[in-house]
Amino acid sequence: MTSNKSNRLLMVLAAFFLAVAAFGFATEGFSKEGSSQKEAAPYVANFSYTPDSRKAPGSGGATVTVGGPVYASPTNIVQVADWRTSPQFARLTEALKGDLPEMLVARGFGVRGPFDSYDLIPYPEKKQIDFYLTPVLEISATWKDTAVKAESSGSSGKVYHGTGTIAVNGTLTIKLQEIMTRELMWTKSVPFEYSFPYDVRFPYYETGSRPFDMGLVMDDLAKGLEQQYPKAMGTLSGLLDPEEIRVVKRQAQELKGKKGY
């Protein structure tokens, strides 16, 4: 009797360990060439900008509040829109909302806020503000020298092996609207571009298309923008010329008067 119980216990334990091993095997992912095939933690990019010079406070002659960033992606570029919600870009919004006011102050402009949205700016505050600034970031990508082939895999039978280069183009734009009328008064855009190679494996499908998982290259996409970010911000800072903005402010005041504000 004792022997039978021992045998049953051994069989249960064996089944348990087989199930654990099977679960671990089933959850193996696809990743970059040379990796362990298990999904690695995403690279969370650190977007950082520090103004290289500062003007006297108030010398800019205008007061600005910064709105939340707008992220755009051309509709004809497949899957690139995924970057907007990817963990690799989790710090981007916070960076823009912090760095743009710092840039404005460094250029001598007054800054009010922050406010969670335009609708939450109190009227007395609006009377103290000249412009509502909105940052717009757009990214598009094209694939170059692509090659995809099916190959055997010991873990899942077959996988696709994809190689090539991804070329990224984008613009960082700032728009100034007259605070009361929301009329667009001034806009500047800074283009940027970079590229990176990829060498990845992703699931094989017997029929149908071969979907490319952007998650496999999102780390490199984020690292590239991380490098471009301070350069683009520095260029925008140079374009925020106080003399030009004072002219735009006079035009905004004339418009506001015509609108009855």
C-alpha atoms as a PDB file:
ATOM      1  CA  MET A   1       0.000   0.000   0.000  1.00  0.00           C
ATOM      2  CA  THR A   2       2.794   2.381   0.950  1.00  0.00           C
ATOM      3  CA  SER A   3       4.544   1.558  -2.309  1.00  0.00           C
ATOM      4  CA  ASN A   4       1.419   2.415  -4.345  1.00  0.00           C
ATOM      5  CA  LYS A   5       1.052   5.768  -2.551  1.00  0.00           C
ATOM      6  CA  SER A   6       4.706   6.565  -3.197  1.00  0.00           C
ATOM      7  CA  ASN A   7       4.327   5.713  -6.871  1.00  0.00           C
ATOM      8  CA  ARG A   8       1.234   7.910  -7.168  1.00  0.00           C
ATOM      9  CA  LEU A   9       3.046  10.788  -5.440  1.00  0.00           C
ATOM     10  CA  LEU A  10       5.986  10.460  -7.811  1.00  0.00           C
ATOM     11  CA  MET A  11       3.633  10.469 -10.791  1.00  0.00           C
ATOM     12  CA  VAL A  12       1.875  13.642  -9.540  1.00  0.00           C
ATOM     13  CA  LEU A  13       5.184  15.399  -8.950  1.00  0.00           C
ATOM     14  CA  ALA A  14       6.442  14.385 -12.386  1.00  0.00           C
ATOM     15  CA  ALA A  15       3.269  15.700 -14.021  1.00  0.00           C
ATOM     16  CA  PHE A  16       3.596  18.975 -12.102  1.00  0.00           C
ATOM     17  CA  PHE A  17       7.174  19.596 -13.189  1.00  0.00           C
ATOM     18  CA  LEU A  18       6.320  18.699 -16.787  1.00  0.00           C
ATOM     19  CA  ALA A  19       3.487  21.241 -16.710  1.00  0.00           C
ATOM     20  CA  VAL A  20       5.782  23.941 -15.310  1.00  0.00           C
ATOM     21  CA  ALA A  21       8.381  23.205 -17.978  1.00  0.00           C
ATOM     22  CA  ALA A  22       5.741  23.283 -20.709  1.00  0.00           C
ATOM     23  CA  PHE A  23       4.405  26.616 -19.444  1.00  0.00           C
ATOM     24  CA  GLY A  24       7.873  28.141 -19.484  1.00  0.00           C
ATOM     25  CA  PHE A  25       8.453  26.849 -23.008  1.00  0.00           C
ATOM     26  CA  ALA A  26       5.106  28.160 -24.227  1.00  0.00           C
ATOM     27  CA  THR A  27       5.753  31.673 -22.917  1.00  0.00           C
ATOM     28  CA  GLU A  28       9.091  32.096 -24.692  1.00  0.00           C
ATOM     29  CA  GLY A  29       8.939  35.149 -26.944  1.00  0.00           C
ATOM     30  CA  PHE A  30      10.636  36.284 -30.085  1.00  0.00           C
ATOM     31  CA  SER A  31      13.357  38.883 -29.897  1.00  0.00           C
ATOM     32  CA  LYS A  32      16.474  40.295 -31.445  1.00  0.00           C
ATOM     33  CA  GLU A  33      19.143  38.098 -32.964  1.00  0.00           C
ATOM     34  CA  GLY A  34      21.459  36.692 -30.332  1.00  0.00           C
ATOM     35  CA  SER A  35      19.138  37.257 -27.353  1.00  0.00           C
ATOM     36  CA  SER A  36      17.860  34.587 -25.003  1.00  0.00           C
ATOM     37  CA  GLN A  37      14.419  34.594 -26.713  1.00  0.00           C
ATOM     38  CA  LYS A  38      12.770  35.634 -23.439  1.00  0.00           C
ATOM     39  CA  GLU A  39      11.161  39.048 -23.505  1.00  0.00           C
ATOM     40  CA  ALA A  40      13.500  41.662 -22.037  1.00  0.00           C
ATOM     41  CA  ALA A  41      12.392  44.718 -20.087  1.00  0.00           C
ATOM     42  CA  PRO A  42      11.851  47.686 -22.420  1.00  0.00           C
ATOM     43  CA  TYR A  43      14.380  50.493 -22.583  1.00  0.00           C
ATOM     44  CA  VAL A  44      12.699  53.586 -21.122  1.00  0.00           C
ATOM     45  CA  ALA A  45      14.237  56.580 -22.877  1.00  0.00           C
ATOM     46  CA  ASN A  46      15.300  59.595 -20.845  1.00  0.00           C
ATOM     47  CA  PHE A  47      14.455  62.757 -22.792  1.00  0.00           C
ATOM     48  CA  SER A  48      16.561  65.573 -21.398  1.00  0.00           C
ATOM     49  CA  TYR A  49      17.196  69.179 -22.420  1.00  0.00           C
ATOM     50  CA  THR A  50      19.010  71.991 -20.622  1.00  0.00           C
ATOM     51  CA  PRO A  51      19.109  75.557 -22.044  1.00  0.00           C
ATOM     52  CA  ASP A  52      22.653  76.647 -22.879  1.00  0.00           C
ATOM     53  CA  SER A  53      22.057  80.315 -22.039  1.00  0.00           C
ATOM     54  CA  ARG A  54      19.593  82.524 -20.169  1.00  0.00           C
ATOM     55  CA  LYS A  55      18.207  85.986 -20.800  1.00  0.00           C
ATOM     56  CA  ALA A  56      16.976  88.410 -18.156  1.00  0.00           C
ATOM     57  CA  PRO A  57      13.529  87.513 -16.765  1.00  0.00           C
ATOM     58  CA  GLY A  58      10.775  89.392 -18.585  1.00  0.00           C
ATOM     59  CA  SER A  59      13.030  90.482 -21.446  1.00  0.00           C
ATOM     60  CA  GLY A  60      11.023  88.374 -23.909  1.00  0.00           C
ATOM     61  CA  GLY A  61       8.081  90.759 -23.672  1.00  0.00           C
ATOM     62  CA  ALA A  62       5.361  88.066 -23.666  1.00  0.00           C
ATOM     63  CA  THR A  63       3.782  85.566 -21.299  1.00  0.00           C
ATOM     64  CA  VAL A  64       3.054  81.999 -22.361  1.00  0.00           C
ATOM     65  CA  THR A  65       1.395  78.896 -20.975  1.00  0.00           C
ATOM     66  CA  VAL A  66       2.226  75.439 -22.321  1.00  0.00           C
ATOM     67  CA  GLY A  67      -0.461  72.934 -23.297  1.00  0.00           C
ATOM     68  CA  GLY A  68      -0.191  69.179 -23.469  1.00  0.00           C
ATOM     69  CA  PRO A  69       1.800  67.698 -26.362  1.00  0.00           C
ATOM     70  CA  VAL A  70       0.122  66.335 -29.466  1.00  0.00           C
ATOM     71  CA  TYR A  71       1.594  63.186 -31.022  1.00  0.00           C
ATOM     72  CA  ALA A  72       0.977  62.604 -34.706  1.00  0.00           C
ATOM     73  CA  SER A  73       1.801  59.800 -37.092  1.00  0.00           C
ATOM     74  CA  PRO A  74       0.990  59.806 -40.823  1.00  0.00           C
ATOM     75  CA  THR A  75      -1.904  57.482 -41.614  1.00  0.00           C
ATOM     76  CA  ASN A  76      -0.064  55.917 -44.552  1.00  0.00           C
ATOM     77  CA  ILE A  77       2.740  54.585 -42.326  1.00  0.00           C
ATOM     78  CA  VAL A  78       1.760  51.204 -40.949  1.00  0.00           C
ATOM     79  CA  GLN A  79       2.247  50.436 -37.237  1.00  0.00           C
ATOM     80  CA  VAL A  80       4.466  53.414 -36.410  1.00  0.00           C
ATOM     81  CA  ALA A  81       1.605  54.893 -34.375  1.00  0.00           C
ATOM     82  CA  ASP A  82       2.373  52.239 -31.748  1.00  0.00           C
ATOM     83  CA  TRP A  83       5.216  54.397 -30.439  1.00  0.00           C
ATOM     84  CA  ARG A  84       2.762  56.813 -28.843  1.00  0.00           C
ATOM     85  CA  THR A  85       1.657  54.299 -26.227  1.00  0.00           C
ATOM     86  CA  SER A  86       4.853  52.259 -25.906  1.00  0.00           C
ATOM     87  CA  PRO A  87       6.580  52.121 -22.499  1.00  0.00           C
ATOM     88  CA  GLN A  88       9.855  53.202 -24.127  1.00  0.00           C
ATOM     89  CA  PHE A  89       8.311  56.679 -24.563  1.00  0.00           C
ATOM     90  CA  ALA A  90       6.647  56.860 -21.142  1.00  0.00           C
ATOM     91  CA  ARG A  91       8.746  59.867 -20.042  1.00  0.00           C
ATOM     92  CA  LEU A  92       8.283  61.943 -23.183  1.00  0.00           C
ATOM     93  CA  THR A  93       5.160  63.869 -22.169  1.00  0.00           C
ATOM     94  CA  GLU A  94       6.600  64.737 -18.783  1.00  0.00           C
ATOM     95  CA  ALA A  95       9.839  65.877 -20.428  1.00  0.00           C
ATOM     96  CA  LEU A  96       8.084  68.202 -22.895  1.00  0.00           C
ATOM     97  CA  LYS A  97       5.823  69.669 -20.217  1.00  0.00           C
ATOM     98  CA  GLY A  98       8.868  70.416 -18.067  1.00  0.00           C
ATOM     99  CA  ASP A  99      11.459  71.411 -20.652  1.00  0.00           C
ATOM    100  CA  LEU A 100       9.346  73.802 -22.741  1.00  0.00           C
ATOM    101  CA  PRO A 101       8.553  76.137 -19.817  1.00  0.00           C
ATOM    102  CA  GLU A 102      12.236  76.040 -18.856  1.00  0.00           C
ATOM    103  CA  MET A 103      13.147  76.940 -22.441  1.00  0.00           C
ATOM    104  CA  LEU A 104      10.712  79.864 -22.425  1.00  0.00           C
ATOM    105  CA  VAL A 105      12.035  81.215 -19.136  1.00  0.00           C
ATOM    106  CA  ALA A 106      15.601  80.914 -20.432  1.00  0.00           C
ATOM    107  CA  ARG A 107      14.609  82.994 -23.464  1.00  0.00           C
ATOM    108  CA  GLY A 108      13.212  85.715 -21.183  1.00  0.00           C
ATOM    109  CA  PHE A 109       9.491  84.963 -21.526  1.00  0.00           C
ATOM    110  CA  GLY A 110       7.045  84.799 -18.657  1.00  0.00           C
ATOM    111  CA  VAL A 111       5.365  81.448 -18.012  1.00  0.00           C
ATOM    112  CA  ARG A 112       2.019  80.772 -16.292  1.00  0.00           C
ATOM    113  CA  GLY A 113       0.681  77.406 -15.224  1.00  0.00           C
ATOM    114  CA  PRO A 114       0.850  74.514 -15.675  1.00  0.00           C
ATOM    115  CA  PHE A 115      -2.818  73.827 -16.406  1.00  0.00           C
ATOM    116  CA  ASP A 116      -4.188  70.371 -17.200  1.00  0.00           C
ATOM    117  CA  SER A 117      -6.044  71.689 -20.244  1.00  0.00           C
ATOM    118  CA  TYR A 118      -7.038  74.934 -21.941  1.00  0.00           C
ATOM    119  CA  ASP A 119     -10.541  74.722 -20.498  1.00  0.00           C
ATOM    120  CA  LEU A 120      -9.126  74.677 -16.968  1.00  0.00           C
ATOM    121  CA  ILE A 121      -7.285  78.004 -17.322  1.00  0.00           C
ATOM    122  CA  PRO A 122      -9.189  80.503 -15.140  1.00  0.00           C
ATOM    123  CA  TYR A 123     -10.259  83.724 -16.853  1.00  0.00           C
ATOM    124  CA  PRO A 124      -8.126  85.934 -14.556  1.00  0.00           C
ATOM    125  CA  GLU A 125      -5.126  83.840 -15.614  1.00  0.00           C
ATOM    126  CA  LYS A 126      -5.996  84.209 -19.299  1.00  0.00           C
ATOM    127  CA  LYS A 127      -5.899  87.981 -18.852  1.00  0.00           C
ATOM    128  CA  GLN A 128      -2.243  87.615 -17.785  1.00  0.00           C
ATOM    129  CA  ILE A 129      -1.267  85.316 -20.686  1.00  0.00           C
ATOM    130  CA  ASP A 130      -0.495  86.268 -24.278  1.00  0.00           C
ATOM    131  CA  PHE A 131      -0.023  82.870 -25.949  1.00  0.00           C
ATOM    132  CA  TYR A 132      -1.045  79.255 -25.571  1.00  0.00           C
ATOM    133  CA  LEU A 133       1.824  77.039 -26.769  1.00  0.00           C
ATOM    134  CA  THR A 134       1.177  73.547 -28.109  1.00  0.00           C
ATOM    135  CA  PRO A 135       4.048  71.160 -28.957  1.00  0.00           C
ATOM    136  CA  VAL A 136       3.407  68.707 -31.784  1.00  0.00           C
ATOM    137  CA  LEU A 137       5.680  65.726 -32.403  1.00  0.00           C
ATOM    138  CA  GLU A 138       5.312  63.685 -35.581  1.00  0.00           C
ATOM    139  CA  ILE A 139       7.247  60.543 -36.471  1.00  0.00           C
ATOM    140  CA  SER A 140       7.204  58.436 -39.624  1.00  0.00           C
ATOM    141  CA  ALA A 141       9.371  55.526 -40.696  1.00  0.00           C
ATOM    142  CA  THR A 142      10.306  53.655 -43.838  1.00  0.00           C
ATOM    143  CA  TRP A 143      11.903  50.234 -44.208  1.00  0.00           C
ATOM    144  CA  LYS A 144      15.010  49.857 -46.368  1.00  0.00           C
ATOM    145  CA  ASP A 145      16.978  46.856 -47.628  1.00  0.00           C
ATOM    146  CA  THR A 146      14.463  44.519 -46.054  1.00  0.00           C
ATOM    147  CA  ALA A 147      14.791  40.757 -46.200  1.00  0.00           C
ATOM    148  CA  VAL A 148      12.459  38.191 -44.635  1.00  0.00           C
ATOM    149  CA  LYS A 149      12.915  34.445 -44.739  1.00  0.00           C
ATOM    150  CA  ALA A 150      11.409  31.489 -42.953  1.00  0.00           C
ATOM    151  CA  GLU A 151      13.792  29.328 -40.987  1.00  0.00           C
ATOM    152  CA  SER A 152      13.595  26.396 -38.619  1.00  0.00           C
ATOM    153  CA  SER A 153      13.377  26.960 -34.895  1.00  0.00           C
ATOM    154  CA  GLY A 154      13.835  24.310 -32.271  1.00  0.00           C
ATOM    155  CA  SER A 155      11.169  25.846 -30.063  1.00  0.00           C
ATOM    156  CA  SER A 156       8.310  26.581 -32.466  1.00  0.00           C
ATOM    157  CA  GLY A 157       8.965  24.798 -35.765  1.00  0.00           C
ATOM    158  CA  LYS A 158       9.445  27.870 -37.954  1.00  0.00           C
ATOM    159  CA  VAL A 159       9.998  31.577 -37.491  1.00  0.00           C
ATOM    160  CA  TYR A 160      10.491  34.547 -39.767  1.00  0.00           C
ATOM    161  CA  HIS A 161      13.967  36.073 -39.720  1.00  0.00           C
ATOM    162  CA  GLY A 162      13.826  39.729 -40.718  1.00  0.00           C
ATOM    163  CA  THR A 163      16.700  42.108 -41.390  1.00  0.00           C
ATOM    164  CA  GLY A 164      16.999  45.605 -42.771  1.00  0.00           C
ATOM    165  CA  THR A 165      17.191  49.260 -41.827  1.00  0.00           C
ATOM    166  CA  ILE A 166      14.489  51.542 -40.467  1.00  0.00           C
ATOM    167  CA  ALA A 167      14.814  55.200 -41.456  1.00  0.00           C
ATOM    168  CA  VAL A 168      12.965  57.595 -39.168  1.00  0.00           C
ATOM    169  CA  ASN A 169      11.849  61.092 -40.101  1.00  0.00           C
ATOM    170  CA  GLY A 170      10.049  63.497 -37.838  1.00  0.00           C
ATOM    171  CA  THR A 171       9.283  67.057 -36.869  1.00  0.00           C
ATOM    172  CA  LEU A 172       9.007  68.813 -33.531  1.00  0.00           C
ATOM    173  CA  THR A 173       6.679  71.791 -33.898  1.00  0.00           C
ATOM    174  CA  ILE A 174       5.581  74.511 -31.508  1.00  0.00           C
ATOM    175  CA  LYS A 175       2.455  76.540 -32.158  1.00  0.00           C
ATOM    176  CA  LEU A 176       1.519  79.827 -30.499  1.00  0.00           C
ATOM    177  CA  GLN A 177      -2.180  80.685 -30.310  1.00  0.00           C
ATOM    178  CA  GLU A 178      -3.600  83.955 -29.040  1.00  0.00           C
ATOM    179  CA  ILE A 179      -4.891  82.925 -25.627  1.00  0.00           C
ATOM    180  CA  MET A 180      -8.463  84.290 -25.891  1.00  0.00           C
ATOM    181  CA  THR A 181      -9.388  83.662 -29.532  1.00  0.00           C
ATOM    182  CA  ARG A 182      -7.192  80.548 -29.979  1.00  0.00           C
ATOM    183  CA  GLU A 183      -6.142  82.040 -33.324  1.00  0.00           C
ATOM    184  CA  LEU A 184      -2.866  80.537 -34.567  1.00  0.00           C
ATOM    185  CA  MET A 185      -0.320  83.360 -34.634  1.00  0.00           C
ATOM    186  CA  TRP A 186       3.086  81.693 -35.019  1.00  0.00           C
ATOM    187  CA  THR A 187       4.525  78.263 -35.674  1.00  0.00           C
ATOM    188  CA  LYS A 188       7.976  76.764 -36.100  1.00  0.00           C
ATOM    189  CA  SER A 189       8.991  73.210 -36.991  1.00  0.00           C
ATOM    190  CA  VAL A 190      12.326  71.480 -36.565  1.00  0.00           C
ATOM    191  CA  PRO A 191      12.937  68.367 -38.690  1.00  0.00           C
ATOM    192  CA  PHE A 192      15.034  65.453 -37.516  1.00  0.00           C
ATOM    193  CA  GLU A 193      16.040  62.075 -38.909  1.00  0.00           C
ATOM    194  CA  TYR A 194      17.948  58.982 -37.906  1.00  0.00           C
ATOM    195  CA  SER A 195      18.167  55.317 -38.850  1.00  0.00           C
ATOM    196  CA  PHE A 196      19.060  51.998 -37.288  1.00  0.00           C
ATOM    197  CA  PRO A 197      19.514  48.397 -38.458  1.00  0.00           C
ATOM    198  CA  TYR A 198      17.370  45.551 -37.195  1.00  0.00           C
ATOM    199  CA  ASP A 199      17.848  41.798 -37.031  1.00  0.00           C
ATOM    200  CA  VAL A 200      14.821  40.119 -35.485  1.00  0.00           C
ATOM    201  CA  ARG A 201      12.765  36.943 -35.426  1.00  0.00           C
ATOM    202  CA  PHE A 202       8.984  36.881 -35.206  1.00  0.00           C
ATOM    203  CA  PRO A 203       6.219  34.249 -35.427  1.00  0.00           C
ATOM    204  CA  TYR A 204       5.688  32.266 -38.619  1.00  0.00           C
ATOM    205  CA  TYR A 205       2.246  32.035 -40.232  1.00  0.00           C
ATOM    206  CA  GLU A 206       1.424  29.262 -42.689  1.00  0.00           C
ATOM    207  CA  THR A 207      -1.030  31.471 -44.565  1.00  0.00           C
ATOM    208  CA  GLY A 208      -1.674  35.168 -44.866  1.00  0.00           C
ATOM    209  CA  SER A 209       0.637  38.114 -44.376  1.00  0.00           C
ATOM    210  CA  ARG A 210       3.784  38.349 -42.308  1.00  0.00           C
ATOM    211  CA  PRO A 211       3.004  40.926 -39.607  1.00  0.00           C
ATOM    212  CA  PHE A 212       6.013  42.789 -38.279  1.00  0.00           C
ATOM    213  CA  ASP A 213       6.034  43.377 -34.542  1.00  0.00           C
ATOM    214  CA  MET A 214       7.153  46.980 -33.941  1.00  0.00           C
ATOM    215  CA  GLY A 215       7.791  46.040 -30.328  1.00  0.00           C
ATOM    216  CA  LEU A 216      10.943  44.260 -31.482  1.00  0.00           C
ATOM    217  CA  VAL A 217      12.531  47.535 -32.599  1.00  0.00           C
ATOM    218  CA  MET A 218      10.852  50.003 -30.234  1.00  0.00           C
ATOM    219  CA  ASP A 219      13.955  50.227 -28.024  1.00  0.00           C
ATOM    220  CA  ASP A 220      16.048  51.433 -30.977  1.00  0.00           C
ATOM    221  CA  LEU A 221      13.305  53.822 -32.094  1.00  0.00           C
ATOM    222  CA  ALA A 222      13.267  55.370 -28.610  1.00  0.00           C
ATOM    223  CA  LYS A 223      17.058  55.543 -28.317  1.00  0.00           C
ATOM    224  CA  GLY A 224      17.235  57.436 -31.605  1.00  0.00           C
ATOM    225  CA  LEU A 225      14.656  60.010 -30.522  1.00  0.00           C
ATOM    226  CA  GLU A 226      16.389  60.279 -27.155  1.00  0.00           C
ATOM    227  CA  GLN A 227      19.516  61.467 -29.005  1.00  0.00           C
ATOM    228  CA  GLN A 228      17.595  63.819 -31.317  1.00  0.00           C
ATOM    229  CA  TYR A 229      15.468  65.394 -28.586  1.00  0.00           C
ATOM    230  CA  PRO A 230      17.991  67.853 -27.067  1.00  0.00           C
ATOM    231  CA  LYS A 231      19.166  68.930 -30.529  1.00  0.00           C
ATOM    232  CA  ALA A 232      15.608  69.667 -31.696  1.00  0.00           C
ATOM    233  CA  MET A 233      14.776  71.502 -28.485  1.00  0.00           C
ATOM    234  CA  GLY A 234      17.939  73.588 -28.770  1.00  0.00           C
ATOM    235  CA  THR A 235      17.043  74.565 -32.326  1.00  0.00           C
ATOM    236  CA  LEU A 236      13.519  75.553 -31.285  1.00  0.00           C
ATOM    237  CA  SER A 237      14.953  77.676 -28.499  1.00  0.00           C
ATOM    238  CA  GLY A 238      16.983  79.628 -31.038  1.00  0.00           C
ATOM    239  CA  LEU A 239      13.867  80.185 -33.152  1.00  0.00           C
ATOM    240  CA  LEU A 240      11.987  81.737 -30.218  1.00  0.00           C
ATOM    241  CA  ASP A 241      13.355  85.175 -30.941  1.00  0.00           C
ATOM    242  CA  PRO A 242      12.012  87.771 -28.453  1.00  0.00           C
ATOM    243  CA  GLU A 243      12.006  90.563 -31.048  1.00  0.00           C
ATOM    244  CA  GLU A 244       9.883  88.491 -33.431  1.00  0.00           C
ATOM    245  CA  ILE A 245       7.531  87.380 -30.664  1.00  0.00           C
ATOM    246  CA  ARG A 246       6.967  91.007 -29.616  1.00  0.00           C
ATOM    247  CA  VAL A 247       5.796  91.713 -33.173  1.00  0.00           C
ATOM    248  CA  VAL A 248       3.512  88.692 -33.042  1.00  0.00           C
ATOM    249  CA  LYS A 249       2.170  89.897 -29.679  1.00  0.00           C
ATOM    250  CA  ARG A 250       1.158  93.248 -31.193  1.00  0.00           C
ATOM    251  CA  GLN A 251      -0.646  91.414 -33.982  1.00  0.00           C
ATOM    252  CA  ALA A 252      -2.374  89.215 -31.392  1.00  0.00           C
ATOM    253  CA  GLN A 253      -3.507  92.245 -29.420  1.00  0.00           C
ATOM    254  CA  GLU A 254      -4.946  93.833 -32.566  1.00  0.00           C
ATOM    255  CA  LEU A 255      -6.799  90.611 -33.354  1.00  0.00           C
ATOM    256  CA  LYS A 256      -8.121  90.378 -29.806  1.00  0.00           C
ATOM    257  CA  GLY A 257      -9.398  93.957 -30.027  1.00  0.00           C
ATOM    258  CA  LYS A 258     -11.235  93.219 -33.278  1.00  0.00           C
ATOM    259  CA  LYS A 259     -12.841  90.184 -31.653  1.00  0.00           C
ATOM    260  CA  GLY A 260     -14.106  92.264 -28.760  1.00  0.00           C
ATOM    261  CA  TYR A 261     -11.804  91.035 -25.987  1.00  0.00           C
END
